[in-house]
Amino acid sequence: MAAQSHVFDDQGTKFSTSKPARRIISLAPHLTEMLFSAGAGKYIVGTVSYSDYPDSAKSIKRIGSYNKFGLEEIITLKPDLIVAWETGNPHHIIEKLKSLGVYGFC
């Protein structure tokens, strides 16, 4: 039996998973850098424009910019986790992704 992992996002919402995220989307350049710093860069399957550090981030599929991204492209990438910027990414788009069943926001 896999152990559950529990994390709370900045809004206090509890996110639970039984396995580590292996398909991550980053919705801001600084979040991409932070994911690489944490050792998760190899799991990023989509990110936004200007996510260019470290150099290996330049080869990740682009799904738009921090304030306008393709919902269809995000869904197609089948993410386990979407890392969003609470004060920078459009709230209504994040809520739309959640309503479509894209879970695992941080």
Protein backbone atom coordinates (compact mmCIF):
# COMPACT_ATOMS: atom_id res chain seq x y z
CA MET A 1 0.00 0.00 0.00
CA ALA A 2 1.41 3.40 -1.00
CA ALA A 3 1.72 6.07 1.65
CA GLN A 4 -0.35 9.20 1.14
CA SER A 5 1.44 12.53 0.90
CA HIS A 6 -0.43 15.65 1.97
CA VAL A 7 0.45 19.23 1.06
CA PHE A 8 -1.42 22.50 1.59
CA ASP A 9 -1.30 25.18 -1.07
CA ASP A 10 -1.12 28.93 -0.43
CA GLN A 11 -4.91 29.11 -0.18
CA GLY A 12 -5.05 26.38 2.45
CA THR A 13 -6.44 23.74 0.10
CA LYS A 14 -5.26 20.24 0.92
CA PHE A 15 -3.72 18.26 -1.91
CA SER A 16 -3.17 14.53 -1.44
CA THR A 17 -1.35 12.06 -3.62
CA SER A 18 -0.32 8.45 -3.31
CA LYS A 19 2.62 8.83 -5.71
CA PRO A 20 5.13 11.55 -6.55
CA ALA A 21 4.27 13.94 -9.38
CA ARG A 22 5.96 12.90 -12.61
CA ARG A 23 4.22 15.30 -15.05
CA ILE A 24 4.51 18.87 -13.81
CA ILE A 25 3.41 22.10 -15.46
CA SER A 26 4.91 25.36 -14.25
CA LEU A 27 2.89 28.52 -14.88
CA ALA A 28 5.65 31.08 -14.20
CA PRO A 29 9.36 31.38 -15.02
CA HIS A 30 10.42 31.73 -11.39
CA LEU A 31 8.47 28.58 -10.51
CA THR A 32 10.30 26.69 -13.24
CA GLU A 33 13.61 27.80 -11.70
CA MET A 34 12.44 26.72 -8.26
CA LEU A 35 11.38 23.29 -9.55
CA PHE A 36 14.81 22.81 -11.12
CA SER A 37 16.47 23.91 -7.87
CA ALA A 38 14.40 21.33 -5.99
CA GLY A 39 15.50 18.57 -8.38
CA ALA A 40 12.17 18.27 -10.20
CA GLY A 41 13.23 19.81 -13.52
CA LYS A 42 13.22 16.49 -15.35
CA TYR A 43 9.52 16.10 -14.56
CA ILE A 44 8.38 19.42 -16.05
CA VAL A 45 6.34 18.69 -19.21
CA GLY A 46 5.07 22.21 -19.84
CA THR A 47 5.90 25.77 -18.90
CA VAL A 48 5.44 29.37 -20.02
CA SER A 49 7.46 31.83 -22.07
CA TYR A 50 10.63 33.24 -20.49
CA SER A 51 11.21 30.02 -18.55
CA ASP A 52 14.79 29.92 -19.74
CA TYR A 53 16.84 29.11 -16.65
CA PRO A 54 18.60 26.81 -16.34
CA ASP A 55 19.47 26.20 -19.99
CA SER A 56 17.69 22.82 -19.96
CA ALA A 57 14.41 24.65 -19.27
CA LYS A 58 14.55 26.09 -22.79
CA SER A 59 13.63 22.71 -24.29
CA ILE A 60 10.39 22.30 -22.30
CA LYS A 61 7.13 22.64 -24.24
CA ARG A 62 5.61 26.14 -24.00
CA ILE A 63 1.91 26.42 -23.21
CA GLY A 64 1.67 30.23 -23.30
CA SER A 65 2.71 33.03 -20.97
CA TYR A 66 2.17 33.51 -17.25
CA ASN A 67 -1.08 35.41 -17.86
CA LYS A 68 -2.44 33.60 -20.91
CA PHE A 69 -2.00 29.91 -21.54
CA GLY A 70 -3.67 27.20 -23.59
CA LEU A 71 -6.15 25.18 -21.56
CA GLU A 72 -6.29 22.49 -24.23
CA GLU A 73 -2.51 22.18 -24.30
CA ILE A 74 -2.40 21.83 -20.52
CA ILE A 75 -5.06 19.12 -20.50
CA THR A 76 -3.32 17.28 -23.36
CA LEU A 77 -0.10 17.13 -21.32
CA LYS A 78 -1.96 15.20 -18.56
CA PRO A 79 -0.20 16.83 -15.60
CA ASP A 80 -0.01 15.27 -12.13
CA LEU A 81 0.78 18.68 -10.69
CA ILE A 82 0.36 22.27 -11.83
CA VAL A 83 2.45 24.83 -9.99
CA ALA A 84 0.78 28.23 -10.25
CA TRP A 85 1.62 31.76 -9.15
CA GLU A 86 -1.21 32.88 -6.88
CA THR A 87 -0.80 36.62 -7.48
CA GLY A 88 0.39 36.42 -11.09
CA ASN A 89 -1.63 33.78 -12.92
CA PRO A 90 -5.23 34.70 -13.77
CA HIS A 91 -7.47 33.33 -11.02
CA HIS A 92 -10.37 32.60 -13.38
CA ILE A 93 -8.19 30.40 -15.59
CA ILE A 94 -6.84 28.47 -12.60
CA GLU A 95 -10.41 27.91 -11.40
CA LYS A 96 -11.37 26.72 -14.89
CA LEU A 97 -8.56 24.16 -14.87
CA LYS A 98 -9.68 22.94 -11.46
CA SER A 99 -13.28 22.63 -12.68
CA LEU A 100 -12.09 20.54 -15.65
CA GLY A 101 -10.54 18.04 -13.28
CA VAL A 102 -6.93 19.12 -13.52
CA TYR A 103 -5.86 18.55 -9.95
CA GLY A 104 -2.72 19.08 -7.97
CA PHE A 105 -2.30 22.80 -7.80
CA CYS A 106 0.33 24.33 -5.55
